[in-house]
Amino acid sequence: MPLTDLAKIIGLFTAWNGLVFTIYFVDKQAARYGQWRISEKTLLTLAFLAGSPGAVSAQQLLRHKTRKEPFRSELMAICVFHLLAVVALVSGITARMLGLI
C-alpha cells in the first residue's frame, strides 16, 4: 500500500473520530441544558463504526456517560473488539510481509 493511501486512511480515521468527539460534545451540552439528546444507540453505533477513540476521548475529557451502565460497559466492549481487530490486521500484514502466508 502506497504511503499516500495510508495517509488518506489515517486522515479519514482522524476526521471521523473528531466528528464522533464533536457529537458526544453536542450530547453533553444538550444534557447540561435539558435539550433534545442523542440516543445511546446512536452514540454506540458511531463508536462501533471506527469511532471508539473519539468516543472514549470525549467520555473521559468531557466526563460524559462515565457512570452510566450499560453504556460504559458496551463502549469498552467495542474498544476491546477494535483492539482485537487491529491486532489481527497487523498480524496478517506482518505475516504477509515475512512470507508466512
Foldseek 3Di string as FASTA:
>chain_A
DDPVVVVVVVVVLVVLLVVLLVLLVVQLVCVVVVHDHDDLVVNLVSCLVSNLVSSVCSCVVVVGCPPDPPSNVSSVVSVVVVVVVVVVVVVVVVCVVVVVD
